[in-house]
Structure formats: C-alpha cells, structure tokens
Amino acid sequence: MQRPEPALALRRYGGTPEDGVPIPCQLARAHPCRLAEFVAGRLAAQEALRRATGMAAIPGTGRSRAPDWPEGTVGSISHSGGLAVAIAGSSRNWTALGIDLEAVPDEETAAEIAPLVFGAQDRVPPGRFGTGLAFAAKEALFKALNPRVRIFFGFRDAVLTGCDGCAGELRLEKSLGTDWPAGSRIGFRHGMLEGRILARVEIPARLPPPG
C-alpha cells in the first residue's frame, strides 16, 4: 500500500487579517510584521492541508502559540525572510511532520550558535552551511515530536549521525517516552529554497497490512 507524500505549500508575507485568518488574542497587539508572518504561515498551512487532504482549514493556535491542526491531520509551519512554508498530511499516513526554514548563517552567527546546536558526536558538514543545516534539522525534529510527547528537549538532546546531499539522520540522546526512547533514529530530508536551508522530518504512521 503506497503512502501519499505530505504536501508542501509556500506563502510570501503580505497578507492581512482580512484574508480570513483568525488572529489569536496573544497577537492582538503584535507588530504588523509579526502579524504578516503569522497570516502567511496560516495561509501556507491552509494550502498544504487542501493539497494533502482536500480540507481547506486554517489551523488554530494553541496555548504555546503552536499551530492546532484539525483532527485527523498533522503538520508544521516555518518562517524566514519574508517567506512562510508549511507541510501537512493525514494522521492515517503520518505520525508527525516537522519543517524548518533557515537562512545560511554568516560566519559570526555560525560561530555563536555552533556550541549550542551540536557537540563532539555530531557529524556536521563543514562550514556555516553545515551549522545552519544542523540547526534546521534539529528544529524540524522538535516541531515534529514536541506536540506529541509534550516533553521539552533541546538541540544537544539529538545527535546528527550523518548527512548526504539530500538526507540525513538524527539520533535521540534523551528519552521522550516509551515510543521514542534514547537511541531512536529519525531521518530527515533537506534542500535549498530561495537561498535558505529547508529541513523536514516526516515520521510515517504504521499502515495496515495489505488485504
């Protein structure tokens, strides 16, 4: 039984609350730039949901401001430099989905974040691109798993065990419950989108046996 791919959608900033996106009370007095980011992300999520499930719904907002996806769906949203990207799919096919979009850091920023993002066991590609990729992959992992496990974990709680031209693997160093014990290995995919690093974690659901 073939598993449908999750759907991706992009949206540039420029939308307003008049686009039909409900603005949560936490953002009622937010700066217009923050509101534009929020609206773009929710519209990207709406399009991703439509492509994946036919459901043109807009995710709500939970207490932590994270997207509250419609029942029967999973997804993730990211923003960077005027662009919002979302991934969505049916929970029948996908246990969790996480996505992150990051600018390639400059040398100074890469040097600052490297000690926070990875340690001696991480097999990070060289240079500032490698640092940005490690950051994006681990952020996508957090977005995928945190809504499910409700356990906080940081960048150093997952190790980048390997990476090639379009895919890589992360290993949990911290137990996130019985389904995700320490040592669990989770793949991710990556690429470039308009000069930014795009990483996504796609954790499949167990499909019923054929017949």
N, C-alpha and C. Protein backbone atom coordinates (compact mmCIF):
# COMPACT_ATOMS: atom_id res chain seq x y z
N MET A 1 0.85 -1.20 0.00
CA MET A 1 0.00 0.00 0.00
C MET A 1 0.88 1.24 0.00
N GLN A 2 0.74 2.05 -1.03
CA GLN A 2 1.60 3.22 -1.17
C GLN A 2 1.13 4.36 -0.27
N ARG A 3 2.08 5.00 0.40
CA ARG A 3 1.78 6.10 1.32
C ARG A 3 1.83 7.43 0.56
N PRO A 4 0.77 8.23 0.58
CA PRO A 4 0.82 9.53 -0.08
C PRO A 4 1.86 10.43 0.58
N GLU A 5 2.56 11.18 -0.24
CA GLU A 5 3.53 12.14 0.29
C GLU A 5 2.79 13.26 1.03
N PRO A 6 3.40 13.81 2.09
CA PRO A 6 2.81 15.01 2.69
C PRO A 6 2.91 16.16 1.71
N ALA A 7 2.08 17.16 1.87
CA ALA A 7 2.04 18.30 0.95
C ALA A 7 2.80 19.48 1.52
N LEU A 8 3.50 20.19 0.64
CA LEU A 8 4.19 21.42 1.00
C LEU A 8 3.49 22.59 0.34
N ALA A 9 3.53 23.75 0.99
CA ALA A 9 2.99 24.97 0.41
C ALA A 9 3.80 26.16 0.89
N LEU A 10 3.95 27.16 0.02
CA LEU A 10 4.70 28.37 0.33
C LEU A 10 3.77 29.57 0.28
N ARG A 11 4.13 30.57 1.03
CA ARG A 11 3.36 31.82 1.01
C ARG A 11 4.28 32.98 1.39
N ARG A 12 4.27 34.02 0.59
CA ARG A 12 5.07 35.19 0.94
C ARG A 12 4.28 36.10 1.88
N TYR A 13 5.03 36.84 2.69
CA TYR A 13 4.38 37.79 3.58
C TYR A 13 3.63 38.82 2.74
N GLY A 14 2.68 39.48 3.34
CA GLY A 14 1.90 40.48 2.63
C GLY A 14 0.42 40.34 2.90
N GLY A 15 0.03 39.22 3.51
CA GLY A 15 -1.37 39.05 3.87
C GLY A 15 -1.74 39.89 5.07
N THR A 16 -3.02 40.03 5.30
CA THR A 16 -3.54 40.79 6.43
C THR A 16 -4.62 39.96 7.11
N PRO A 17 -5.04 40.35 8.33
CA PRO A 17 -6.13 39.62 8.98
C PRO A 17 -7.41 39.57 8.15
N GLU A 18 -7.52 40.47 7.19
CA GLU A 18 -8.70 40.46 6.34
C GLU A 18 -8.73 39.26 5.40
N ASP A 19 -7.63 38.51 5.33
CA ASP A 19 -7.59 37.33 4.48
C ASP A 19 -8.37 36.16 5.08
N GLY A 20 -9.02 36.37 6.21
CA GLY A 20 -9.83 35.32 6.81
C GLY A 20 -9.12 34.48 7.82
N VAL A 21 -7.91 34.87 8.20
CA VAL A 21 -7.15 34.14 9.20
C VAL A 21 -7.50 34.68 10.59
N PRO A 22 -8.06 33.86 11.47
CA PRO A 22 -8.36 34.34 12.82
C PRO A 22 -7.07 34.70 13.56
N ILE A 23 -7.04 35.87 14.16
CA ILE A 23 -5.86 36.33 14.90
C ILE A 23 -6.08 36.01 16.38
N PRO A 24 -5.21 35.19 16.99
CA PRO A 24 -5.38 34.85 18.41
C PRO A 24 -5.17 36.07 19.30
N CYS A 25 -5.75 36.02 20.48
CA CYS A 25 -5.66 37.16 21.39
C CYS A 25 -4.21 37.47 21.76
N GLN A 26 -3.33 36.45 21.75
CA GLN A 26 -1.93 36.69 22.09
C GLN A 26 -1.25 37.63 21.11
N LEU A 27 -1.82 37.72 19.89
CA LEU A 27 -1.21 38.57 18.86
C LEU A 27 -2.03 39.81 18.56
N ALA A 28 -3.00 40.10 19.38
CA ALA A 28 -3.90 41.22 19.11
C ALA A 28 -3.15 42.54 18.98
N ARG A 29 -2.07 42.71 19.73
CA ARG A 29 -1.30 43.96 19.69
C ARG A 29 0.09 43.76 19.10
N ALA A 30 0.26 42.70 18.34
CA ALA A 30 1.57 42.40 17.76
C ALA A 30 1.93 43.42 16.68
N HIS A 31 3.22 43.54 16.43
CA HIS A 31 3.72 44.41 15.37
C HIS A 31 3.17 43.92 14.03
N PRO A 32 2.90 44.84 13.09
CA PRO A 32 2.38 44.42 11.78
C PRO A 32 3.23 43.37 11.08
N CYS A 33 4.55 43.43 11.26
CA CYS A 33 5.43 42.43 10.64
C CYS A 33 5.17 41.04 11.22
N ARG A 34 4.95 40.99 12.53
CA ARG A 34 4.66 39.70 13.17
C ARG A 34 3.31 39.17 12.71
N LEU A 35 2.33 40.06 12.55
CA LEU A 35 1.03 39.64 12.06
C LEU A 35 1.12 39.12 10.62
N ALA A 36 1.91 39.80 9.79
CA ALA A 36 2.07 39.36 8.40
C ALA A 36 2.71 37.97 8.36
N GLU A 37 3.69 37.74 9.22
CA GLU A 37 4.33 36.42 9.32
C GLU A 37 3.32 35.35 9.72
N PHE A 38 2.51 35.68 10.73
CA PHE A 38 1.52 34.73 11.22
C PHE A 38 0.51 34.40 10.13
N VAL A 39 -0.01 35.42 9.46
CA VAL A 39 -1.02 35.21 8.43
C VAL A 39 -0.45 34.37 7.28
N ALA A 40 0.78 34.69 6.85
CA ALA A 40 1.40 33.93 5.77
C ALA A 40 1.56 32.47 6.15
N GLY A 41 1.97 32.21 7.38
CA GLY A 41 2.14 30.83 7.83
C GLY A 41 0.84 30.07 7.84
N ARG A 42 -0.22 30.71 8.34
CA ARG A 42 -1.52 30.01 8.38
C ARG A 42 -2.08 29.80 6.98
N LEU A 43 -1.87 30.74 6.06
CA LEU A 43 -2.37 30.54 4.70
C LEU A 43 -1.57 29.44 3.99
N ALA A 44 -0.27 29.36 4.27
CA ALA A 44 0.52 28.25 3.71
C ALA A 44 0.01 26.92 4.25
N ALA A 45 -0.30 26.90 5.55
CA ALA A 45 -0.82 25.67 6.16
C ALA A 45 -2.16 25.29 5.56
N GLN A 46 -3.02 26.27 5.33
CA GLN A 46 -4.32 26.00 4.72
C GLN A 46 -4.15 25.35 3.35
N GLU A 47 -3.21 25.88 2.55
CA GLU A 47 -2.99 25.32 1.22
C GLU A 47 -2.38 23.92 1.30
N ALA A 48 -1.46 23.71 2.24
CA ALA A 48 -0.88 22.38 2.40
C ALA A 48 -1.94 21.36 2.80
N LEU A 49 -2.84 21.75 3.70
CA LEU A 49 -3.92 20.86 4.10
C LEU A 49 -4.84 20.56 2.93
N ARG A 50 -5.14 21.57 2.13
CA ARG A 50 -6.01 21.35 0.97
C ARG A 50 -5.38 20.35 0.01
N ARG A 51 -4.08 20.50 -0.24
CA ARG A 51 -3.40 19.60 -1.17
C ARG A 51 -3.30 18.18 -0.62
N ALA A 52 -3.11 18.08 0.69
CA ALA A 52 -2.90 16.75 1.28
C ALA A 52 -4.20 16.01 1.54
N THR A 53 -5.25 16.72 1.94
CA THR A 53 -6.47 16.06 2.42
C THR A 53 -7.75 16.57 1.76
N GLY A 54 -7.67 17.65 1.00
CA GLY A 54 -8.88 18.26 0.46
C GLY A 54 -9.58 19.15 1.45
N MET A 55 -9.04 19.27 2.66
CA MET A 55 -9.64 20.07 3.73
C MET A 55 -8.96 21.45 3.74
N ALA A 56 -9.68 22.49 3.33
CA ALA A 56 -9.10 23.83 3.27
C ALA A 56 -9.31 24.55 4.60
N ALA A 57 -8.83 23.95 5.67
CA ALA A 57 -8.99 24.53 7.00
C ALA A 57 -7.74 25.31 7.38
N ILE A 58 -7.90 26.26 8.28
CA ILE A 58 -6.78 27.04 8.81
C ILE A 58 -6.51 26.55 10.23
N PRO A 59 -5.31 26.08 10.51
CA PRO A 59 -5.02 25.62 11.88
C PRO A 59 -5.24 26.74 12.91
N GLY A 60 -5.78 26.34 14.05
CA GLY A 60 -5.94 27.29 15.14
C GLY A 60 -4.60 27.53 15.83
N THR A 61 -4.68 28.12 17.03
CA THR A 61 -3.48 28.43 17.79
C THR A 61 -3.62 27.90 19.20
N GLY A 62 -2.67 27.05 19.61
CA GLY A 62 -2.69 26.50 20.96
C GLY A 62 -2.14 27.47 21.98
N ARG A 63 -2.09 27.05 23.23
CA ARG A 63 -1.63 27.92 24.31
C ARG A 63 -0.19 28.35 24.12
N SER A 64 0.63 27.50 23.52
CA SER A 64 2.04 27.83 23.30
C SER A 64 2.25 28.57 21.97
N ARG A 65 1.16 28.97 21.33
CA ARG A 65 1.17 29.65 20.03
C ARG A 65 1.50 28.71 18.88
N ALA A 66 1.71 27.44 19.18
CA ALA A 66 1.96 26.47 18.12
C ALA A 66 0.66 26.20 17.36
N PRO A 67 0.73 25.80 16.10
CA PRO A 67 -0.49 25.51 15.33
C PRO A 67 -1.28 24.37 15.96
N ASP A 68 -2.58 24.52 15.95
CA ASP A 68 -3.50 23.49 16.43
C ASP A 68 -4.16 22.88 15.18
N TRP A 69 -3.60 21.76 14.73
CA TRP A 69 -4.03 21.19 13.46
C TRP A 69 -5.40 20.51 13.59
N PRO A 70 -6.21 20.54 12.53
CA PRO A 70 -7.52 19.88 12.58
C PRO A 70 -7.38 18.40 12.90
N GLU A 71 -8.41 17.86 13.53
CA GLU A 71 -8.40 16.43 13.88
C GLU A 71 -8.17 15.58 12.63
N GLY A 72 -7.31 14.59 12.78
CA GLY A 72 -7.02 13.70 11.67
C GLY A 72 -5.89 14.18 10.77
N THR A 73 -5.24 15.30 11.15
CA THR A 73 -4.14 15.82 10.34
C THR A 73 -2.95 16.15 11.24
N VAL A 74 -1.78 16.23 10.64
CA VAL A 74 -0.56 16.68 11.31
C VAL A 74 0.15 17.63 10.37
N GLY A 75 1.00 18.47 10.94
CA GLY A 75 1.72 19.41 10.09
C GLY A 75 2.67 20.28 10.88
N SER A 76 3.26 21.22 10.17
CA SER A 76 4.24 22.12 10.77
C SER A 76 4.37 23.35 9.89
N ILE A 77 4.79 24.47 10.49
CA ILE A 77 4.94 25.75 9.79
C ILE A 77 6.30 26.34 10.16
N SER A 78 6.92 27.03 9.20
CA SER A 78 8.15 27.76 9.48
C SER A 78 8.16 29.06 8.69
N HIS A 79 8.94 30.03 9.17
CA HIS A 79 9.04 31.33 8.52
C HIS A 79 10.51 31.74 8.43
N SER A 80 10.85 32.46 7.37
CA SER A 80 12.19 33.02 7.26
C SER A 80 12.24 34.05 6.15
N GLY A 81 12.68 35.25 6.49
CA GLY A 81 12.97 36.26 5.49
C GLY A 81 11.85 36.56 4.53
N GLY A 82 10.63 36.72 5.04
CA GLY A 82 9.51 37.07 4.18
C GLY A 82 8.83 35.91 3.51
N LEU A 83 9.22 34.69 3.85
CA LEU A 83 8.62 33.51 3.24
C LEU A 83 8.15 32.55 4.32
N ALA A 84 6.94 32.04 4.17
CA ALA A 84 6.39 31.03 5.08
C ALA A 84 6.25 29.73 4.32
N VAL A 85 6.53 28.62 5.00
CA VAL A 85 6.40 27.31 4.39
C VAL A 85 5.67 26.39 5.36
N ALA A 86 4.84 25.51 4.84
CA ALA A 86 4.08 24.58 5.68
C ALA A 86 4.10 23.20 5.05
N ILE A 87 4.01 22.20 5.91
CA ILE A 87 3.89 20.81 5.49
C ILE A 87 2.71 20.22 6.23
N ALA A 88 1.91 19.39 5.57
CA ALA A 88 0.72 18.81 6.20
C ALA A 88 0.42 17.46 5.57
N GLY A 89 -0.26 16.62 6.34
CA GLY A 89 -0.68 15.32 5.85
C GLY A 89 -1.72 14.72 6.77
N SER A 90 -2.28 13.61 6.34
CA SER A 90 -3.26 12.89 7.14
C SER A 90 -2.54 12.11 8.24
N SER A 91 -3.13 12.08 9.44
CA SER A 91 -2.54 11.30 10.53
C SER A 91 -2.69 9.80 10.29
N ARG A 92 -3.49 9.40 9.33
CA ARG A 92 -3.54 7.98 8.96
C ARG A 92 -2.24 7.55 8.30
N ASN A 93 -1.57 8.49 7.66
CA ASN A 93 -0.34 8.20 6.94
C ASN A 93 0.92 8.67 7.67
N TRP A 94 0.77 9.71 8.50
CA TRP A 94 1.94 10.32 9.12
C TRP A 94 1.70 10.52 10.62
N THR A 95 2.63 10.01 11.41
CA THR A 95 2.56 10.19 12.86
C THR A 95 2.92 11.62 13.24
N ALA A 96 3.94 12.17 12.57
CA ALA A 96 4.39 13.52 12.89
C ALA A 96 5.11 14.10 11.70
N LEU A 97 5.00 15.41 11.53
CA LEU A 97 5.69 16.15 10.46
C LEU A 97 6.30 17.40 11.07
N GLY A 98 7.53 17.70 10.70
CA GLY A 98 8.18 18.91 11.17
C GLY A 98 8.96 19.56 10.05
N ILE A 99 8.96 20.88 10.00
CA ILE A 99 9.65 21.59 8.93
C ILE A 99 10.33 22.83 9.50
N ASP A 100 11.49 23.17 8.92
CA ASP A 100 12.16 24.39 9.35
C ASP A 100 12.88 25.02 8.17
N LEU A 101 12.78 26.34 8.08
CA LEU A 101 13.39 27.13 7.01
C LEU A 101 14.33 28.13 7.66
N GLU A 102 15.60 28.11 7.29
CA GLU A 102 16.60 28.96 7.93
C GLU A 102 17.53 29.57 6.89
N ALA A 103 17.91 30.82 7.12
CA ALA A 103 18.95 31.43 6.32
C ALA A 103 20.29 30.77 6.65
N VAL A 104 21.17 30.68 5.68
CA VAL A 104 22.52 30.20 5.95
C VAL A 104 23.19 31.26 6.84
N PRO A 105 23.65 30.89 8.04
CA PRO A 105 24.20 31.90 8.94
C PRO A 105 25.52 32.47 8.43
N ASP A 106 25.78 33.72 8.79
CA ASP A 106 27.10 34.26 8.47
C ASP A 106 28.13 33.65 9.41
N GLU A 107 29.40 33.94 9.19
CA GLU A 107 30.47 33.31 9.96
C GLU A 107 30.33 33.60 11.45
N GLU A 108 30.01 34.84 11.79
CA GLU A 108 29.91 35.22 13.21
C GLU A 108 28.75 34.49 13.89
N THR A 109 27.60 34.47 13.21
CA THR A 109 26.44 33.80 13.79
C THR A 109 26.68 32.30 13.92
N ALA A 110 27.29 31.71 12.89
CA ALA A 110 27.58 30.28 12.94
C ALA A 110 28.48 29.94 14.12
N ALA A 111 29.48 30.78 14.37
CA ALA A 111 30.39 30.53 15.49
C ALA A 111 29.67 30.65 16.82
N GLU A 112 28.68 31.53 16.91
CA GLU A 112 27.94 31.72 18.15
C GLU A 112 27.00 30.57 18.45
N ILE A 113 26.32 30.06 17.41
CA ILE A 113 25.30 29.04 17.66
C ILE A 113 25.86 27.62 17.67
N ALA A 114 27.03 27.41 17.05
CA ALA A 114 27.57 26.05 16.96
C ALA A 114 27.66 25.35 18.30
N PRO A 115 28.21 25.97 19.38
CA PRO A 115 28.30 25.25 20.66
C PRO A 115 26.94 24.93 21.27
N LEU A 116 25.91 25.66 20.88
CA LEU A 116 24.57 25.42 21.41
C LEU A 116 23.85 24.31 20.64
N VAL A 117 24.22 24.13 19.38
CA VAL A 117 23.48 23.22 18.50
C VAL A 117 24.06 21.82 18.46
N PHE A 118 25.39 21.69 18.48
CA PHE A 118 25.96 20.36 18.35
C PHE A 118 27.22 20.21 19.19
N GLY A 119 27.55 18.92 19.44
CA GLY A 119 28.72 18.57 20.23
C GLY A 119 29.66 17.66 19.45
N ALA A 120 30.54 16.99 20.20
CA ALA A 120 31.60 16.21 19.57
C ALA A 120 31.06 15.03 18.76
N GLN A 121 29.90 14.49 19.12
CA GLN A 121 29.38 13.32 18.42
C GLN A 121 28.63 13.67 17.14
N ASP A 122 28.27 14.92 16.97
CA ASP A 122 27.53 15.32 15.77
C ASP A 122 28.45 15.30 14.55
N ARG A 123 27.98 14.67 13.50
CA ARG A 123 28.72 14.62 12.24
C ARG A 123 28.16 15.71 11.32
N VAL A 124 28.59 16.94 11.57
CA VAL A 124 28.04 18.11 10.89
C VAL A 124 28.89 18.43 9.67
N PRO A 125 28.27 18.68 8.51
CA PRO A 125 29.05 19.12 7.36
C PRO A 125 29.83 20.38 7.69
N PRO A 126 30.97 20.60 7.05
CA PRO A 126 31.81 21.74 7.40
C PRO A 126 31.20 23.08 7.03
N GLY A 127 31.69 24.11 7.71
CA GLY A 127 31.34 25.48 7.35
C GLY A 127 30.02 25.94 7.92
N ARG A 128 29.69 27.17 7.58
CA ARG A 128 28.47 27.78 8.13
C ARG A 128 27.21 27.12 7.57
N PHE A 129 27.29 26.55 6.35
CA PHE A 129 26.13 25.81 5.85
C PHE A 129 25.84 24.61 6.74
N GLY A 130 26.89 23.88 7.12
CA GLY A 130 26.69 22.72 7.98
C GLY A 130 26.07 23.09 9.31
N THR A 131 26.51 24.21 9.88
CA THR A 131 25.92 24.67 11.15
C THR A 131 24.45 25.00 10.96
N GLY A 132 24.13 25.70 9.88
CA GLY A 132 22.73 26.02 9.61
C GLY A 132 21.89 24.80 9.36
N LEU A 133 22.46 23.81 8.68
CA LEU A 133 21.72 22.58 8.41
C LEU A 133 21.44 21.82 9.70
N ALA A 134 22.45 21.72 10.59
CA ALA A 134 22.24 21.04 11.88
C ALA A 134 21.14 21.74 12.67
N PHE A 135 21.17 23.07 12.68
CA PHE A 135 20.14 23.84 13.39
C PHE A 135 18.76 23.53 12.81
N ALA A 136 18.63 23.61 11.48
CA ALA A 136 17.33 23.41 10.85
C ALA A 136 16.81 21.99 11.06
N ALA A 137 17.69 20.98 10.94
CA ALA A 137 17.25 19.60 11.10
C ALA A 137 16.76 19.34 12.52
N LYS A 138 17.48 19.85 13.51
CA LYS A 138 17.08 19.62 14.89
C LYS A 138 15.83 20.42 15.25
N GLU A 139 15.68 21.59 14.65
CA GLU A 139 14.46 22.37 14.86
C GLU A 139 13.26 21.65 14.25
N ALA A 140 13.43 21.08 13.07
CA ALA A 140 12.34 20.32 12.44
C ALA A 140 11.98 19.10 13.28
N LEU A 141 12.98 18.45 13.88
CA LEU A 141 12.70 17.31 14.76
C LEU A 141 11.88 17.75 15.97
N PHE A 142 12.25 18.88 16.56
CA PHE A 142 11.49 19.39 17.71
C PHE A 142 10.05 19.68 17.32
N LYS A 143 9.84 20.32 16.17
CA LYS A 143 8.49 20.65 15.74
C LYS A 143 7.66 19.40 15.47
N ALA A 144 8.31 18.34 15.03
CA ALA A 144 7.59 17.11 14.75
C ALA A 144 7.20 16.39 16.04
N LEU A 145 8.14 16.25 16.99
CA LEU A 145 7.90 15.41 18.15
C LEU A 145 7.32 16.12 19.37
N ASN A 146 7.69 17.37 19.60
CA ASN A 146 7.24 18.03 20.82
C ASN A 146 5.72 18.07 20.97
N PRO A 147 4.94 18.34 19.91
CA PRO A 147 3.48 18.33 20.08
C PRO A 147 2.94 16.96 20.48
N ARG A 148 3.67 15.90 20.17
CA ARG A 148 3.20 14.55 20.50
C ARG A 148 3.63 14.13 21.90
N VAL A 149 4.89 14.37 22.24
CA VAL A 149 5.42 13.85 23.50
C VAL A 149 5.21 14.82 24.67
N ARG A 150 5.03 16.12 24.36
CA ARG A 150 4.85 17.14 25.40
C ARG A 150 6.02 17.14 26.39
N ILE A 151 7.20 16.83 25.88
CA ILE A 151 8.41 16.85 26.69
C ILE A 151 9.40 17.79 26.02
N PHE A 152 9.91 18.76 26.77
CA PHE A 152 10.87 19.68 26.16
C PHE A 152 12.20 18.96 25.94
N PHE A 153 12.80 19.21 24.80
CA PHE A 153 14.16 18.74 24.55
C PHE A 153 14.88 19.78 23.69
N GLY A 154 16.19 19.85 23.88
CA GLY A 154 16.97 20.87 23.21
C GLY A 154 17.82 20.33 22.09
N PHE A 155 18.62 21.21 21.49
CA PHE A 155 19.46 20.84 20.35
C PHE A 155 20.44 19.73 20.71
N ARG A 156 20.99 19.77 21.92
CA ARG A 156 22.00 18.78 22.28
C ARG A 156 21.39 17.44 22.69
N ASP A 157 20.06 17.34 22.69
CA ASP A 157 19.39 16.08 23.02
C ASP A 157 19.18 15.20 21.79
N ALA A 158 19.68 15.64 20.65
CA ALA A 158 19.67 14.83 19.44
C ALA A 158 21.01 15.01 18.75
N VAL A 159 21.52 13.95 18.18
CA VAL A 159 22.82 13.95 17.51
C VAL A 159 22.62 13.74 16.01
N LEU A 160 23.30 14.55 15.23
CA LEU A 160 23.29 14.37 13.78
C LEU A 160 24.31 13.28 13.45
N THR A 161 23.81 12.10 13.07
CA THR A 161 24.71 10.95 12.87
C THR A 161 25.26 10.86 11.46
N GLY A 162 24.64 11.56 10.53
CA GLY A 162 25.13 11.51 9.16
C GLY A 162 24.28 12.37 8.26
N CYS A 163 24.86 12.75 7.11
CA CYS A 163 24.14 13.62 6.19
C CYS A 163 24.78 13.51 4.82
N ASP A 164 23.93 13.41 3.78
CA ASP A 164 24.46 13.41 2.42
C ASP A 164 23.81 14.55 1.64
N GLY A 165 23.74 14.41 0.33
CA GLY A 165 23.27 15.52 -0.49
C GLY A 165 21.84 15.95 -0.26
N CYS A 166 20.97 15.05 0.18
CA CYS A 166 19.57 15.42 0.34
C CYS A 166 18.90 14.81 1.56
N ALA A 167 19.62 14.02 2.35
CA ALA A 167 19.00 13.37 3.50
C ALA A 167 20.03 13.21 4.62
N GLY A 168 19.52 12.95 5.81
CA GLY A 168 20.39 12.74 6.96
C GLY A 168 19.64 11.99 8.04
N GLU A 169 20.31 11.80 9.17
CA GLU A 169 19.71 11.05 10.27
C GLU A 169 20.07 11.70 11.60
N LEU A 170 19.10 11.69 12.51
CA LEU A 170 19.27 12.18 13.87
C LEU A 170 19.05 11.04 14.85
N ARG A 171 19.79 11.05 15.94
CA ARG A 171 19.63 10.04 16.99
C ARG A 171 19.30 10.74 18.30
N LEU A 172 18.21 10.30 18.95
CA LEU A 172 17.83 10.89 20.22
C LEU A 172 18.82 10.49 21.31
N GLU A 173 19.26 11.47 22.08
CA GLU A 173 20.11 11.22 23.23
C GLU A 173 19.30 11.26 24.53
N LYS A 174 18.07 11.71 24.43
CA LYS A 174 17.18 11.83 25.59
C LYS A 174 15.91 11.03 25.32
N SER A 175 15.44 10.29 26.31
CA SER A 175 14.20 9.55 26.14
C SER A 175 13.01 10.51 26.13
N LEU A 176 12.14 10.33 25.16
CA LEU A 176 10.93 11.15 25.05
C LEU A 176 9.68 10.29 25.24
N GLY A 177 9.81 9.26 26.06
CA GLY A 177 8.68 8.37 26.33
C GLY A 177 8.92 7.00 25.72
N THR A 178 7.96 6.13 25.93
CA THR A 178 8.12 4.73 25.50
C THR A 178 8.23 4.59 23.98
N ASP A 179 7.56 5.47 23.24
CA ASP A 179 7.61 5.38 21.78
C ASP A 179 8.90 5.96 21.21
N TRP A 180 9.57 6.81 21.99
CA TRP A 180 10.76 7.49 21.49
C TRP A 180 11.87 7.42 22.54
N PRO A 181 12.40 6.22 22.80
CA PRO A 181 13.47 6.09 23.78
C PRO A 181 14.79 6.67 23.26
N ALA A 182 15.70 6.94 24.17
CA ALA A 182 17.04 7.35 23.77
C ALA A 182 17.62 6.30 22.84
N GLY A 183 18.29 6.76 21.81
CA GLY A 183 18.83 5.85 20.80
C GLY A 183 17.97 5.74 19.56
N SER A 184 16.72 6.23 19.61
CA SER A 184 15.85 6.20 18.43
C SER A 184 16.50 7.01 17.30
N ARG A 185 16.41 6.47 16.08
CA ARG A 185 16.98 7.13 14.91
C ARG A 185 15.86 7.62 13.99
N ILE A 186 15.98 8.88 13.61
CA ILE A 186 14.92 9.53 12.83
C ILE A 186 15.56 10.23 11.64
N GLY A 187 15.06 9.91 10.46
CA GLY A 187 15.60 10.51 9.25
C GLY A 187 15.02 11.90 8.98
N PHE A 188 15.74 12.65 8.17
CA PHE A 188 15.23 13.94 7.71
C PHE A 188 15.69 14.16 6.28
N ARG A 189 14.98 15.04 5.60
CA ARG A 189 15.36 15.44 4.25
C ARG A 189 15.71 16.93 4.26
N HIS A 190 16.56 17.33 3.33
CA HIS A 190 16.92 18.74 3.30
C HIS A 190 17.20 19.19 1.88
N GLY A 191 17.17 20.49 1.68
CA GLY A 191 17.44 21.09 0.38
C GLY A 191 17.54 22.59 0.54
N MET A 192 17.58 23.29 -0.57
CA MET A 192 17.64 24.74 -0.55
C MET A 192 16.37 25.30 -1.17
N LEU A 193 15.87 26.37 -0.59
CA LEU A 193 14.68 27.05 -1.10
C LEU A 193 14.95 28.54 -1.08
N GLU A 194 15.12 29.11 -2.27
CA GLU A 194 15.39 30.54 -2.43
C GLU A 194 16.55 30.98 -1.54
N GLY A 195 17.61 30.20 -1.56
CA GLY A 195 18.81 30.54 -0.83
C GLY A 195 18.79 30.21 0.65
N ARG A 196 17.70 29.57 1.12
CA ARG A 196 17.58 29.20 2.52
C ARG A 196 17.62 27.68 2.66
N ILE A 197 18.00 27.24 3.84
CA ILE A 197 18.04 25.81 4.13
C ILE A 197 16.65 25.34 4.54
N LEU A 198 16.17 24.31 3.90
CA LEU A 198 14.86 23.73 4.23
C LEU A 198 15.09 22.30 4.72
N ALA A 199 14.68 22.02 5.94
CA ALA A 199 14.79 20.67 6.51
C ALA A 199 13.42 20.19 6.93
N ARG A 200 13.15 18.90 6.72
CA ARG A 200 11.85 18.37 7.14
C ARG A 200 12.00 16.95 7.68
N VAL A 201 11.27 16.71 8.74
CA VAL A 201 11.20 15.40 9.38
C VAL A 201 9.82 14.83 9.11
N GLU A 202 9.76 13.63 8.55
CA GLU A 202 8.50 13.00 8.19
C GLU A 202 8.47 11.62 8.83
N ILE A 203 7.68 11.45 9.86
CA ILE A 203 7.63 10.19 10.60
C ILE A 203 6.35 9.45 10.19
N PRO A 204 6.48 8.33 9.48
CA PRO A 204 5.28 7.65 8.97
C PRO A 204 4.49 6.93 10.04
N ALA A 205 3.20 6.87 9.83
CA ALA A 205 2.34 6.04 10.67
C ALA A 205 2.42 4.61 10.17
N ARG A 206 2.04 3.70 11.03
CA ARG A 206 2.02 2.28 10.65
C ARG A 206 0.78 2.03 9.81
N LEU A 207 1.02 1.63 8.57
CA LEU A 207 -0.11 1.34 7.70
C LEU A 207 -0.63 -0.07 7.95
N PRO A 208 -1.94 -0.29 7.78
CA PRO A 208 -2.48 -1.64 7.96
C PRO A 208 -1.91 -2.58 6.91
N PRO A 209 -1.80 -3.86 7.22
CA PRO A 209 -1.27 -4.80 6.23
C PRO A 209 -2.20 -4.90 5.02
N PRO A 210 -1.66 -5.16 3.83
CA PRO A 210 -2.50 -5.24 2.64
C PRO A 210 -3.48 -6.41 2.74
N GLY A 211 -4.63 -6.19 2.14
CA GLY A 211 -5.66 -7.25 2.13
C GLY A 211 -6.54 -7.21 3.32
